[in-house]
N, C-alpha and C. Protein backbone atom coordinates (compact mmCIF):
# COMPACT_ATOMS: atom_id res chain seq x y z
N MET A 1 -95.35 -78.58 -179.95
CA MET A 1 -94.47 -78.63 -181.11
C MET A 1 -93.42 -77.53 -181.07
N LYS A 2 -93.78 -76.39 -180.51
CA LYS A 2 -92.84 -75.27 -180.44
C LYS A 2 -91.60 -75.64 -179.62
N ARG A 3 -91.81 -76.35 -178.49
CA ARG A 3 -90.68 -76.76 -177.67
C ARG A 3 -89.72 -77.63 -178.45
N ARG A 4 -90.26 -78.56 -179.22
CA ARG A 4 -89.42 -79.47 -180.01
C ARG A 4 -88.57 -78.69 -181.02
N ARG A 5 -89.18 -77.70 -181.66
CA ARG A 5 -88.43 -76.88 -182.62
C ARG A 5 -87.31 -76.10 -181.94
N LEU A 6 -87.59 -75.57 -180.74
CA LEU A 6 -86.55 -74.85 -180.00
C LEU A 6 -85.39 -75.77 -179.67
N GLU A 7 -85.70 -76.99 -179.25
CA GLU A 7 -84.65 -77.96 -178.94
C GLU A 7 -83.86 -78.34 -180.19
N GLN A 8 -84.55 -78.48 -181.32
CA GLN A 8 -83.86 -78.81 -182.57
C GLN A 8 -82.93 -77.67 -183.00
N GLU A 9 -83.38 -76.45 -182.87
CA GLU A 9 -82.54 -75.30 -183.23
C GLU A 9 -81.32 -75.22 -182.31
N LEU A 10 -81.51 -75.47 -181.03
CA LEU A 10 -80.40 -75.49 -180.10
C LEU A 10 -79.40 -76.58 -180.49
N GLN A 11 -79.90 -77.75 -180.84
CA GLN A 11 -79.02 -78.84 -181.24
C GLN A 11 -78.26 -78.50 -182.52
N LYS A 12 -78.93 -77.91 -183.49
CA LYS A 12 -78.25 -77.52 -184.73
C LYS A 12 -77.14 -76.52 -184.45
N THR A 13 -77.40 -75.58 -183.55
CA THR A 13 -76.39 -74.57 -183.23
C THR A 13 -75.19 -75.20 -182.52
N ILE A 14 -75.45 -76.13 -181.62
CA ILE A 14 -74.35 -76.84 -180.95
C ILE A 14 -73.50 -77.58 -181.97
N PHE A 15 -74.16 -78.28 -182.91
CA PHE A 15 -73.39 -79.03 -183.90
C PHE A 15 -72.68 -78.13 -184.91
N ALA A 16 -73.13 -76.90 -185.09
CA ALA A 16 -72.38 -75.93 -185.89
C ALA A 16 -71.08 -75.59 -185.18
N HIS A 17 -71.14 -75.43 -183.86
CA HIS A 17 -69.91 -75.20 -183.07
C HIS A 17 -69.00 -76.41 -183.17
N VAL A 18 -69.57 -77.59 -183.04
CA VAL A 18 -68.78 -78.82 -183.12
C VAL A 18 -68.07 -78.91 -184.48
N ALA A 19 -68.79 -78.64 -185.55
CA ALA A 19 -68.20 -78.72 -186.89
C ALA A 19 -67.03 -77.75 -187.04
N ALA A 20 -67.14 -76.60 -186.44
CA ALA A 20 -66.11 -75.57 -186.60
C ALA A 20 -65.00 -75.65 -185.55
N ARG A 21 -65.29 -76.24 -184.38
CA ARG A 21 -64.37 -76.07 -183.26
C ARG A 21 -64.01 -77.33 -182.48
N ALA A 22 -64.43 -78.50 -182.93
CA ALA A 22 -64.16 -79.72 -182.15
C ALA A 22 -62.66 -79.94 -182.01
N THR A 23 -62.26 -80.36 -180.83
CA THR A 23 -60.84 -80.66 -180.60
C THR A 23 -60.51 -82.03 -181.17
N ARG A 24 -59.26 -82.19 -181.52
CA ARG A 24 -58.80 -83.47 -182.05
C ARG A 24 -59.00 -84.56 -181.00
N GLY A 25 -59.50 -85.68 -181.42
CA GLY A 25 -59.72 -86.80 -180.50
C GLY A 25 -61.07 -86.76 -179.80
N SER A 26 -61.88 -85.77 -180.11
CA SER A 26 -63.22 -85.68 -179.53
C SER A 26 -64.23 -86.28 -180.50
N VAL A 27 -65.18 -87.01 -179.96
CA VAL A 27 -66.28 -87.54 -180.75
C VAL A 27 -67.56 -87.01 -180.11
N ILE A 28 -68.36 -86.31 -180.90
CA ILE A 28 -69.62 -85.77 -180.41
C ILE A 28 -70.69 -86.18 -181.41
N LEU A 29 -71.77 -86.80 -180.91
CA LEU A 29 -72.77 -87.34 -181.82
C LEU A 29 -74.17 -87.29 -181.22
N HIS A 30 -75.12 -87.49 -182.11
CA HIS A 30 -76.53 -87.56 -181.73
C HIS A 30 -77.05 -88.94 -182.08
N THR A 31 -77.81 -89.53 -181.18
CA THR A 31 -78.45 -90.81 -181.44
C THR A 31 -79.92 -90.54 -181.74
N PRO A 32 -80.37 -90.80 -182.96
CA PRO A 32 -81.75 -90.46 -183.34
C PRO A 32 -82.78 -91.45 -182.80
N ASN A 33 -83.03 -91.39 -181.50
CA ASN A 33 -84.01 -92.29 -180.88
C ASN A 33 -85.43 -91.79 -181.00
N GLY A 34 -85.62 -90.49 -181.17
CA GLY A 34 -86.96 -89.91 -181.14
C GLY A 34 -87.75 -90.18 -182.39
N GLY A 35 -88.92 -89.60 -182.44
CA GLY A 35 -89.77 -89.72 -183.61
C GLY A 35 -90.80 -90.83 -183.46
N PHE A 36 -91.76 -90.81 -184.35
CA PHE A 36 -92.84 -91.79 -184.32
C PHE A 36 -92.37 -93.11 -184.92
N ARG A 37 -92.75 -94.18 -184.27
CA ARG A 37 -92.50 -95.51 -184.79
C ARG A 37 -93.77 -96.33 -184.61
N SER A 38 -94.02 -97.22 -185.55
CA SER A 38 -95.15 -98.14 -185.37
C SER A 38 -94.82 -99.06 -184.19
N ARG A 39 -95.83 -99.76 -183.69
CA ARG A 39 -95.58 -100.69 -182.58
C ARG A 39 -94.58 -101.77 -182.99
N ALA A 40 -94.73 -102.28 -184.20
CA ALA A 40 -93.83 -103.33 -184.67
C ALA A 40 -92.40 -102.81 -184.77
N GLU A 41 -92.23 -101.62 -185.34
CA GLU A 41 -90.89 -101.05 -185.46
C GLU A 41 -90.30 -100.76 -184.09
N ALA A 42 -91.11 -100.24 -183.18
CA ALA A 42 -90.63 -99.96 -181.82
C ALA A 42 -90.17 -101.25 -181.14
N ALA A 43 -90.91 -102.32 -181.33
CA ALA A 43 -90.53 -103.61 -180.73
C ALA A 43 -89.21 -104.11 -181.32
N ILE A 44 -89.05 -103.96 -182.62
CA ILE A 44 -87.80 -104.36 -183.25
C ILE A 44 -86.64 -103.54 -182.70
N MET A 45 -86.83 -102.23 -182.64
CA MET A 45 -85.77 -101.36 -182.15
C MET A 45 -85.42 -101.70 -180.70
N ALA A 46 -86.42 -101.98 -179.88
CA ALA A 46 -86.17 -102.35 -178.49
C ALA A 46 -85.36 -103.64 -178.41
N SER A 47 -85.68 -104.60 -179.27
CA SER A 47 -84.94 -105.86 -179.26
C SER A 47 -83.50 -105.69 -179.73
N LEU A 48 -83.25 -104.61 -180.47
CA LEU A 48 -81.89 -104.31 -180.94
C LEU A 48 -81.11 -103.44 -179.96
N GLY A 49 -81.74 -103.08 -178.84
CA GLY A 49 -81.01 -102.35 -177.81
C GLY A 49 -81.33 -100.88 -177.66
N ILE A 50 -82.29 -100.37 -178.41
CA ILE A 50 -82.68 -98.97 -178.24
C ILE A 50 -83.12 -98.78 -176.79
N LYS A 51 -82.74 -97.69 -176.20
CA LYS A 51 -83.10 -97.39 -174.82
C LYS A 51 -83.89 -96.10 -174.77
N ARG A 52 -85.05 -96.14 -174.15
CA ARG A 52 -85.87 -94.94 -174.01
C ARG A 52 -85.19 -93.96 -173.07
N GLY A 53 -85.30 -92.67 -173.41
CA GLY A 53 -84.80 -91.63 -172.53
C GLY A 53 -83.35 -91.26 -172.71
N LEU A 54 -82.70 -91.77 -173.76
CA LEU A 54 -81.30 -91.40 -173.98
C LEU A 54 -81.18 -89.89 -174.22
N PRO A 55 -80.13 -89.27 -173.70
CA PRO A 55 -79.91 -87.85 -173.98
C PRO A 55 -79.71 -87.59 -175.47
N ASP A 56 -79.85 -86.33 -175.85
CA ASP A 56 -79.77 -85.93 -177.25
C ASP A 56 -78.36 -86.00 -177.82
N ILE A 57 -77.36 -85.69 -177.01
CA ILE A 57 -75.99 -85.58 -177.49
C ILE A 57 -75.07 -86.38 -176.57
N PHE A 58 -74.15 -87.12 -177.18
CA PHE A 58 -73.10 -87.80 -176.43
C PHE A 58 -71.75 -87.32 -176.92
N GLY A 59 -70.80 -87.27 -176.02
CA GLY A 59 -69.43 -86.91 -176.38
C GLY A 59 -68.47 -87.85 -175.69
N LEU A 60 -67.39 -88.18 -176.38
CA LEU A 60 -66.34 -89.03 -175.81
C LEU A 60 -65.00 -88.37 -176.10
N ARG A 61 -64.21 -88.22 -175.06
CA ARG A 61 -62.88 -87.60 -175.21
C ARG A 61 -62.01 -88.13 -174.08
N ALA A 62 -60.84 -88.63 -174.44
CA ALA A 62 -59.86 -89.12 -173.46
C ALA A 62 -60.49 -90.10 -172.47
N GLY A 63 -61.36 -90.98 -172.98
CA GLY A 63 -61.96 -92.00 -172.14
C GLY A 63 -63.10 -91.53 -171.25
N GLU A 64 -63.52 -90.28 -171.39
CA GLU A 64 -64.63 -89.77 -170.59
C GLU A 64 -65.86 -89.58 -171.47
N LEU A 65 -66.98 -90.10 -170.97
CA LEU A 65 -68.24 -89.98 -171.69
C LEU A 65 -69.09 -88.89 -171.05
N ILE A 66 -69.63 -88.01 -171.90
CA ILE A 66 -70.55 -86.98 -171.43
C ILE A 66 -71.85 -87.10 -172.21
N ALA A 67 -72.90 -86.53 -171.66
CA ALA A 67 -74.19 -86.52 -172.35
C ALA A 67 -74.90 -85.21 -172.06
N ILE A 68 -75.63 -84.73 -173.06
CA ILE A 68 -76.42 -83.51 -172.91
C ILE A 68 -77.85 -83.81 -173.31
N GLU A 69 -78.76 -83.53 -172.42
CA GLU A 69 -80.19 -83.59 -172.73
C GLU A 69 -80.63 -82.15 -172.96
N LEU A 70 -81.14 -81.88 -174.15
CA LEU A 70 -81.58 -80.54 -174.50
C LEU A 70 -83.05 -80.35 -174.17
N LYS A 71 -83.36 -79.22 -173.61
CA LYS A 71 -84.74 -78.86 -173.29
C LYS A 71 -84.97 -77.41 -173.67
N SER A 72 -86.20 -77.09 -174.01
CA SER A 72 -86.55 -75.69 -174.16
C SER A 72 -86.60 -75.11 -172.74
N PRO A 73 -86.62 -73.80 -172.60
CA PRO A 73 -86.67 -73.22 -171.25
C PRO A 73 -87.87 -73.69 -170.42
N THR A 74 -88.94 -74.13 -171.08
CA THR A 74 -90.11 -74.62 -170.34
C THR A 74 -90.24 -76.14 -170.38
N GLY A 75 -89.29 -76.82 -171.01
CA GLY A 75 -89.36 -78.27 -171.14
C GLY A 75 -89.07 -78.98 -169.83
N ARG A 76 -89.58 -80.18 -169.72
CA ARG A 76 -89.38 -81.01 -168.53
C ARG A 76 -88.90 -82.40 -168.94
N LEU A 77 -88.13 -83.01 -168.06
CA LEU A 77 -87.66 -84.36 -168.31
C LEU A 77 -88.80 -85.35 -168.15
N SER A 78 -88.83 -86.35 -169.03
CA SER A 78 -89.80 -87.43 -168.89
C SER A 78 -89.30 -88.42 -167.83
N LYS A 79 -90.18 -89.30 -167.42
CA LYS A 79 -89.81 -90.35 -166.47
C LYS A 79 -88.65 -91.18 -167.01
N HIS A 80 -88.73 -91.55 -168.28
CA HIS A 80 -87.66 -92.37 -168.89
C HIS A 80 -86.35 -91.59 -168.95
N GLN A 81 -86.40 -90.31 -169.25
CA GLN A 81 -85.18 -89.50 -169.28
C GLN A 81 -84.55 -89.42 -167.90
N CYS A 82 -85.35 -89.21 -166.87
CA CYS A 82 -84.82 -89.16 -165.50
C CYS A 82 -84.15 -90.48 -165.13
N GLU A 83 -84.80 -91.59 -165.46
CA GLU A 83 -84.24 -92.91 -165.13
C GLU A 83 -82.93 -93.15 -165.88
N THR A 84 -82.91 -92.82 -167.16
CA THR A 84 -81.71 -93.06 -167.96
C THR A 84 -80.56 -92.15 -167.53
N ILE A 85 -80.87 -90.90 -167.22
CA ILE A 85 -79.83 -89.99 -166.73
C ILE A 85 -79.24 -90.52 -165.42
N ALA A 86 -80.09 -91.03 -164.54
CA ALA A 86 -79.59 -91.60 -163.29
C ALA A 86 -78.68 -92.81 -163.55
N GLU A 87 -79.07 -93.67 -164.49
CA GLU A 87 -78.24 -94.84 -164.84
C GLU A 87 -76.90 -94.41 -165.42
N LEU A 88 -76.93 -93.44 -166.34
CA LEU A 88 -75.69 -92.96 -166.95
C LEU A 88 -74.77 -92.35 -165.90
N THR A 89 -75.34 -91.56 -165.02
CA THR A 89 -74.54 -90.91 -163.97
C THR A 89 -73.93 -91.96 -163.04
N ALA A 90 -74.71 -92.96 -162.67
CA ALA A 90 -74.20 -94.02 -161.80
C ALA A 90 -73.06 -94.79 -162.47
N ALA A 91 -73.07 -94.85 -163.80
CA ALA A 91 -72.03 -95.55 -164.55
C ALA A 91 -70.80 -94.67 -164.81
N GLY A 92 -70.85 -93.42 -164.35
CA GLY A 92 -69.69 -92.55 -164.50
C GLY A 92 -69.77 -91.52 -165.60
N CYS A 93 -70.89 -91.45 -166.29
CA CYS A 93 -71.07 -90.46 -167.36
C CYS A 93 -71.45 -89.12 -166.74
N MET A 94 -70.85 -88.05 -167.22
CA MET A 94 -71.26 -86.70 -166.80
C MET A 94 -72.43 -86.28 -167.69
N VAL A 95 -73.55 -85.94 -167.07
CA VAL A 95 -74.75 -85.58 -167.80
C VAL A 95 -75.22 -84.21 -167.37
N ARG A 96 -75.61 -83.40 -168.35
CA ARG A 96 -76.19 -82.08 -168.07
C ARG A 96 -77.49 -81.94 -168.85
N VAL A 97 -78.45 -81.29 -168.23
CA VAL A 97 -79.67 -80.87 -168.92
C VAL A 97 -79.47 -79.39 -169.21
N ILE A 98 -79.55 -79.04 -170.48
CA ILE A 98 -79.20 -77.68 -170.92
C ILE A 98 -80.32 -77.10 -171.76
N ASP A 99 -80.61 -75.82 -171.54
CA ASP A 99 -81.70 -75.17 -172.28
C ASP A 99 -81.27 -73.94 -173.08
N ASN A 100 -79.94 -73.71 -173.20
CA ASN A 100 -79.50 -72.55 -173.97
C ASN A 100 -78.10 -72.78 -174.54
N ILE A 101 -77.81 -72.08 -175.60
CA ILE A 101 -76.54 -72.28 -176.31
C ILE A 101 -75.34 -71.86 -175.48
N ASP A 102 -75.47 -70.79 -174.72
CA ASP A 102 -74.32 -70.32 -173.93
C ASP A 102 -73.85 -71.38 -172.95
N ASP A 103 -74.79 -72.01 -172.24
CA ASP A 103 -74.41 -73.05 -171.27
C ASP A 103 -73.84 -74.28 -171.97
N ALA A 104 -74.41 -74.65 -173.11
CA ALA A 104 -73.92 -75.82 -173.84
C ALA A 104 -72.48 -75.60 -174.31
N VAL A 105 -72.24 -74.46 -174.94
CA VAL A 105 -70.90 -74.17 -175.46
C VAL A 105 -69.89 -74.03 -174.33
N ALA A 106 -70.28 -73.35 -173.26
CA ALA A 106 -69.37 -73.17 -172.13
C ALA A 106 -68.97 -74.52 -171.52
N TRP A 107 -69.93 -75.44 -171.39
CA TRP A 107 -69.61 -76.75 -170.81
C TRP A 107 -68.70 -77.55 -171.74
N LEU A 108 -68.99 -77.53 -173.04
CA LEU A 108 -68.15 -78.26 -173.99
C LEU A 108 -66.74 -77.66 -174.05
N GLU A 109 -66.62 -76.35 -173.93
CA GLU A 109 -65.30 -75.70 -173.87
C GLU A 109 -64.56 -76.11 -172.60
N LYS A 110 -65.24 -76.04 -171.48
CA LYS A 110 -64.63 -76.37 -170.18
C LYS A 110 -64.08 -77.79 -170.16
N LEU A 111 -64.81 -78.72 -170.78
CA LEU A 111 -64.40 -80.11 -170.81
C LEU A 111 -63.39 -80.43 -171.91
N GLY A 112 -63.07 -79.44 -172.73
CA GLY A 112 -62.06 -79.63 -173.77
C GLY A 112 -62.58 -80.21 -175.08
N PHE A 113 -63.88 -80.23 -175.28
CA PHE A 113 -64.44 -80.74 -176.53
C PHE A 113 -64.41 -79.70 -177.64
N LEU A 114 -64.36 -78.41 -177.28
CA LEU A 114 -64.32 -77.33 -178.26
C LEU A 114 -63.07 -76.49 -178.05
N LYS A 115 -62.44 -76.09 -179.17
CA LYS A 115 -61.28 -75.19 -179.13
C LYS A 115 -61.73 -73.77 -178.89
N GLY A 116 -60.88 -73.00 -178.23
CA GLY A 116 -61.13 -71.58 -178.07
C GLY A 116 -62.29 -71.27 -177.16
N ARG A 117 -62.73 -70.03 -177.25
CA ARG A 117 -63.86 -69.55 -176.45
C ARG A 117 -64.83 -68.82 -177.34
N ALA A 118 -66.12 -69.12 -177.19
CA ALA A 118 -67.16 -68.38 -177.91
C ALA A 118 -67.28 -67.01 -177.29
N GLN A 119 -67.60 -66.04 -178.12
CA GLN A 119 -67.72 -64.68 -177.58
C GLN A 119 -69.07 -64.11 -177.82
């Protein structure tokens, strides 16, 4: 449970940067795929197109799609996450697995999703 909380705090901090610093024309969002679902609800969601292993954050800017999978420093990718990251990468999406705020902010700045530089 501790790992999940660390990942949630990292995500909240990233979205605080997004709220304050997103560049015009950038879309950055989270798809809430996680959490417990009953078997029936999971089956319904699967039939509606939910995909297991989607990264935590997606960004779109100037026709380029990026994705960030957040992990705690000791977290590991699941089989489904590895498969989905490979599919996204093959389709042209830039994907990073990130475990700290400095790397997340630096990558979003480098790609032009955030204005300015964090200090």
